[in-house]
Amino acid sequence: MRLRIRKTYWPRHALILTDTPRPDCPDCDGEGGHNYDYGDWATGEYAGTDWEPCPCWNEDRYWVLLPLPCLPRRTPAGGYSDEPPF
């Protein structure tokens, strides 16, 4: 298991310790999975891209190290500001 520290925004702001894909994995070459395109079954046209994770890595395995505060955004009274940057 190779661990790294990341910042996450969902389900809340936090610093997490997460697993990374094996860099020497013969299936994914360290990418963690594969993208593949799929089409509409009726027309055969491109319909999107899907992600298939590799078994060498579990993207749902993480541990919260430090919850971070979620600071509210400051919005002027009218909703817009003419102060730089625009």
N, C-alpha and C. Protein backbone atom coordinates (compact mmCIF):
# COMPACT_ATOMS: atom_id res chain seq x y z
N MET A 1 0.84 -1.17 0.00
CA MET A 1 0.00 0.00 0.00
C MET A 1 0.89 1.24 0.00
N ARG A 2 0.62 2.16 -0.92
CA ARG A 2 1.36 3.43 -1.00
C ARG A 2 0.40 4.54 -0.58
N LEU A 3 0.78 5.28 0.45
CA LEU A 3 -0.11 6.29 1.00
C LEU A 3 0.33 7.70 0.61
N ARG A 4 -0.62 8.61 0.51
CA ARG A 4 -0.33 10.03 0.27
C ARG A 4 -1.37 10.87 0.98
N ILE A 5 -1.05 12.12 1.20
CA ILE A 5 -1.96 13.06 1.85
C ILE A 5 -2.62 13.91 0.77
N ARG A 6 -3.94 14.04 0.87
CA ARG A 6 -4.71 14.84 -0.09
C ARG A 6 -5.70 15.72 0.65
N LYS A 7 -6.19 16.75 -0.03
CA LYS A 7 -7.26 17.58 0.50
C LYS A 7 -8.54 17.18 -0.22
N THR A 8 -9.61 16.98 0.53
CA THR A 8 -10.88 16.60 -0.07
C THR A 8 -11.95 17.62 0.28
N TYR A 9 -12.95 17.73 -0.58
CA TYR A 9 -14.04 18.67 -0.38
C TYR A 9 -15.37 17.96 -0.12
N TRP A 10 -15.40 16.64 -0.35
CA TRP A 10 -16.64 15.92 -0.19
C TRP A 10 -16.41 14.70 0.66
N PRO A 11 -17.17 14.35 1.64
CA PRO A 11 -18.40 14.99 2.09
C PRO A 11 -18.17 16.25 2.92
N ARG A 12 -16.91 16.51 3.33
CA ARG A 12 -16.59 17.76 4.02
C ARG A 12 -15.12 18.09 3.76
N HIS A 13 -14.73 19.33 4.02
CA HIS A 13 -13.35 19.72 3.86
C HIS A 13 -12.49 18.99 4.88
N ALA A 14 -11.42 18.33 4.40
CA ALA A 14 -10.56 17.59 5.32
C ALA A 14 -9.26 17.23 4.64
N LEU A 15 -8.23 16.97 5.43
CA LEU A 15 -7.01 16.35 4.94
C LEU A 15 -7.17 14.85 5.16
N ILE A 16 -6.90 14.06 4.10
CA ILE A 16 -7.08 12.62 4.21
C ILE A 16 -5.80 11.90 3.84
N LEU A 17 -5.64 10.72 4.37
CA LEU A 17 -4.56 9.82 4.00
C LEU A 17 -5.20 8.77 3.11
N THR A 18 -4.73 8.65 1.87
CA THR A 18 -5.39 7.79 0.90
C THR A 18 -4.40 6.85 0.22
N ASP A 19 -4.92 5.77 -0.30
CA ASP A 19 -4.14 4.77 -1.01
C ASP A 19 -3.87 5.26 -2.44
N THR A 20 -2.77 4.83 -3.03
CA THR A 20 -2.45 5.14 -4.42
C THR A 20 -2.26 3.84 -5.19
N PRO A 21 -2.44 3.86 -6.51
CA PRO A 21 -2.26 2.65 -7.31
C PRO A 21 -0.80 2.16 -7.27
N ARG A 22 -0.62 0.86 -7.47
CA ARG A 22 0.73 0.30 -7.54
C ARG A 22 1.40 0.79 -8.81
N PRO A 23 2.59 1.40 -8.73
CA PRO A 23 3.24 1.93 -9.93
C PRO A 23 3.72 0.84 -10.88
N ASP A 24 3.92 -0.38 -10.40
CA ASP A 24 4.40 -1.46 -11.26
C ASP A 24 3.29 -2.43 -11.66
N CYS A 25 2.03 -2.02 -11.55
CA CYS A 25 0.91 -2.90 -11.90
C CYS A 25 0.91 -3.16 -13.41
N PRO A 26 0.91 -4.42 -13.85
CA PRO A 26 0.92 -4.70 -15.29
C PRO A 26 -0.40 -4.41 -15.98
N ASP A 27 -1.50 -4.35 -15.22
CA ASP A 27 -2.81 -4.11 -15.84
C ASP A 27 -3.06 -2.65 -16.16
N CYS A 28 -2.70 -1.75 -15.22
CA CYS A 28 -3.03 -0.34 -15.42
C CYS A 28 -1.80 0.55 -15.57
N ASP A 29 -0.61 0.01 -15.44
CA ASP A 29 0.64 0.78 -15.55
C ASP A 29 0.71 1.93 -14.55
N GLY A 30 0.12 1.73 -13.37
CA GLY A 30 0.18 2.73 -12.32
C GLY A 30 -0.86 3.82 -12.43
N GLU A 31 -1.77 3.72 -13.39
CA GLU A 31 -2.81 4.74 -13.56
C GLU A 31 -3.98 4.55 -12.61
N GLY A 32 -4.20 3.34 -12.12
CA GLY A 32 -5.30 3.07 -11.20
C GLY A 32 -6.55 2.57 -11.86
N GLY A 33 -6.58 2.51 -13.18
CA GLY A 33 -7.75 2.02 -13.89
C GLY A 33 -7.69 2.36 -15.36
N HIS A 34 -8.82 2.18 -16.03
CA HIS A 34 -8.90 2.42 -17.47
C HIS A 34 -10.14 3.22 -17.80
N ASN A 35 -10.01 4.16 -18.73
CA ASN A 35 -11.16 4.86 -19.29
C ASN A 35 -11.62 4.10 -20.52
N TYR A 36 -12.92 4.00 -20.71
CA TYR A 36 -13.41 3.43 -21.95
C TYR A 36 -14.65 4.19 -22.40
N ASP A 37 -14.74 4.36 -23.69
CA ASP A 37 -15.85 5.08 -24.29
C ASP A 37 -16.98 4.11 -24.58
N TYR A 38 -18.20 4.61 -24.51
CA TYR A 38 -19.35 3.79 -24.85
C TYR A 38 -20.31 4.61 -25.68
N GLY A 39 -21.16 3.93 -26.42
CA GLY A 39 -22.09 4.60 -27.32
C GLY A 39 -23.53 4.28 -27.00
N ASP A 40 -24.41 5.02 -27.62
CA ASP A 40 -25.84 4.81 -27.50
C ASP A 40 -26.18 3.52 -28.23
N TRP A 41 -26.95 2.65 -27.61
CA TRP A 41 -27.23 1.35 -28.23
C TRP A 41 -28.09 1.48 -29.48
N ALA A 42 -28.93 2.51 -29.57
CA ALA A 42 -29.82 2.65 -30.72
C ALA A 42 -29.12 3.28 -31.92
N THR A 43 -28.32 4.32 -31.68
CA THR A 43 -27.71 5.04 -32.80
C THR A 43 -26.25 4.70 -33.00
N GLY A 44 -25.59 4.19 -31.97
CA GLY A 44 -24.17 3.89 -32.08
C GLY A 44 -23.29 5.11 -31.90
N GLU A 45 -23.88 6.25 -31.59
CA GLU A 45 -23.12 7.48 -31.40
C GLU A 45 -22.46 7.49 -30.03
N TYR A 46 -21.41 8.29 -29.91
CA TYR A 46 -20.69 8.43 -28.64
C TYR A 46 -21.64 8.96 -27.57
N ALA A 47 -21.65 8.31 -26.39
CA ALA A 47 -22.55 8.71 -25.31
C ALA A 47 -21.81 9.11 -24.04
N GLY A 48 -20.52 8.81 -23.95
CA GLY A 48 -19.78 9.20 -22.76
C GLY A 48 -18.57 8.32 -22.52
N THR A 49 -17.91 8.57 -21.41
CA THR A 49 -16.72 7.81 -21.01
C THR A 49 -16.95 7.29 -19.61
N ASP A 50 -16.57 6.06 -19.38
CA ASP A 50 -16.71 5.44 -18.07
C ASP A 50 -15.34 5.09 -17.52
N TRP A 51 -15.24 4.91 -16.22
CA TRP A 51 -13.98 4.61 -15.54
C TRP A 51 -14.09 3.25 -14.89
N GLU A 52 -13.17 2.38 -15.19
CA GLU A 52 -13.11 1.05 -14.58
C GLU A 52 -11.86 0.99 -13.72
N PRO A 53 -12.00 0.99 -12.36
CA PRO A 53 -10.81 0.97 -11.50
C PRO A 53 -10.11 -0.38 -11.56
N CYS A 54 -8.81 -0.35 -11.35
CA CYS A 54 -7.97 -1.56 -11.35
C CYS A 54 -8.06 -2.21 -9.96
N PRO A 55 -7.98 -3.54 -9.87
CA PRO A 55 -8.02 -4.20 -8.56
C PRO A 55 -6.79 -3.93 -7.69
N CYS A 56 -5.73 -3.34 -8.25
CA CYS A 56 -4.53 -3.06 -7.44
C CYS A 56 -4.73 -1.88 -6.51
N TRP A 57 -5.87 -1.20 -6.64
CA TRP A 57 -6.09 0.05 -5.91
C TRP A 57 -7.55 0.15 -5.50
N ASN A 58 -7.79 0.60 -4.29
CA ASN A 58 -9.15 0.83 -3.82
C ASN A 58 -9.31 2.33 -3.60
N GLU A 59 -10.03 3.00 -4.51
CA GLU A 59 -10.16 4.45 -4.43
C GLU A 59 -11.04 4.90 -3.28
N ASP A 60 -11.76 3.97 -2.64
CA ASP A 60 -12.61 4.31 -1.51
C ASP A 60 -11.90 4.14 -0.17
N ARG A 61 -10.65 3.72 -0.19
CA ARG A 61 -9.90 3.51 1.06
C ARG A 61 -9.18 4.80 1.43
N TYR A 62 -9.65 5.45 2.48
CA TYR A 62 -9.00 6.67 2.97
C TYR A 62 -9.30 6.84 4.45
N TRP A 63 -8.47 7.64 5.11
CA TRP A 63 -8.64 7.93 6.53
C TRP A 63 -8.55 9.43 6.71
N VAL A 64 -9.51 10.00 7.43
CA VAL A 64 -9.52 11.44 7.69
C VAL A 64 -8.46 11.75 8.75
N LEU A 65 -7.51 12.62 8.41
CA LEU A 65 -6.48 13.03 9.35
C LEU A 65 -6.88 14.27 10.13
N LEU A 66 -7.43 15.27 9.42
CA LEU A 66 -7.73 16.54 10.04
C LEU A 66 -8.92 17.19 9.36
N PRO A 67 -10.06 17.32 10.04
CA PRO A 67 -11.17 18.06 9.46
C PRO A 67 -10.79 19.55 9.34
N LEU A 68 -11.15 20.16 8.22
CA LEU A 68 -10.85 21.57 7.99
C LEU A 68 -12.13 22.39 8.08
N PRO A 69 -12.05 23.63 8.55
CA PRO A 69 -13.26 24.45 8.63
C PRO A 69 -13.71 24.87 7.24
N CYS A 70 -14.98 25.00 7.09
CA CYS A 70 -15.56 25.47 5.83
C CYS A 70 -15.96 26.93 6.04
N LEU A 71 -15.15 27.83 5.51
CA LEU A 71 -15.39 29.26 5.70
C LEU A 71 -16.47 29.74 4.75
N PRO A 72 -17.43 30.53 5.24
CA PRO A 72 -18.47 31.03 4.34
C PRO A 72 -17.91 32.06 3.37
N ARG A 73 -18.47 32.08 2.20
CA ARG A 73 -18.05 33.07 1.19
C ARG A 73 -18.65 34.41 1.53
N ARG A 74 -17.85 35.44 1.33
CA ARG A 74 -18.35 36.80 1.60
C ARG A 74 -18.88 37.38 0.30
N THR A 75 -20.14 37.75 0.32
CA THR A 75 -20.78 38.32 -0.85
C THR A 75 -21.26 39.73 -0.49
N PRO A 76 -20.99 40.70 -1.36
CA PRO A 76 -21.48 42.06 -1.09
C PRO A 76 -23.01 42.08 -1.02
N ALA A 77 -23.55 43.16 -0.48
CA ALA A 77 -25.00 43.27 -0.26
C ALA A 77 -25.79 43.09 -1.55
N GLY A 78 -25.33 43.64 -2.66
CA GLY A 78 -26.04 43.53 -3.93
C GLY A 78 -25.77 42.22 -4.65
N GLY A 79 -24.79 41.47 -4.21
CA GLY A 79 -24.46 40.21 -4.86
C GLY A 79 -23.30 40.34 -5.83
N TYR A 80 -22.97 41.59 -6.24
CA TYR A 80 -21.88 41.82 -7.18
C TYR A 80 -20.93 42.85 -6.63
N SER A 81 -19.72 42.85 -7.10
CA SER A 81 -18.73 43.81 -6.64
C SER A 81 -18.05 44.43 -7.85
N ASP A 82 -17.70 45.72 -7.73
CA ASP A 82 -16.97 46.38 -8.82
C ASP A 82 -15.50 46.55 -8.44
N GLU A 83 -15.07 45.91 -7.37
CA GLU A 83 -13.67 45.98 -6.95
C GLU A 83 -12.84 44.97 -7.72
N PRO A 84 -11.61 45.31 -8.08
CA PRO A 84 -10.76 44.35 -8.79
C PRO A 84 -10.44 43.15 -7.90
N PRO A 85 -10.24 41.98 -8.37
CA PRO A 85 -10.41 41.55 -9.76
C PRO A 85 -11.90 41.37 -10.08
N PHE A 86 -12.27 41.68 -11.30
CA PHE A 86 -13.67 41.66 -11.70
C PHE A 86 -14.14 40.26 -11.89
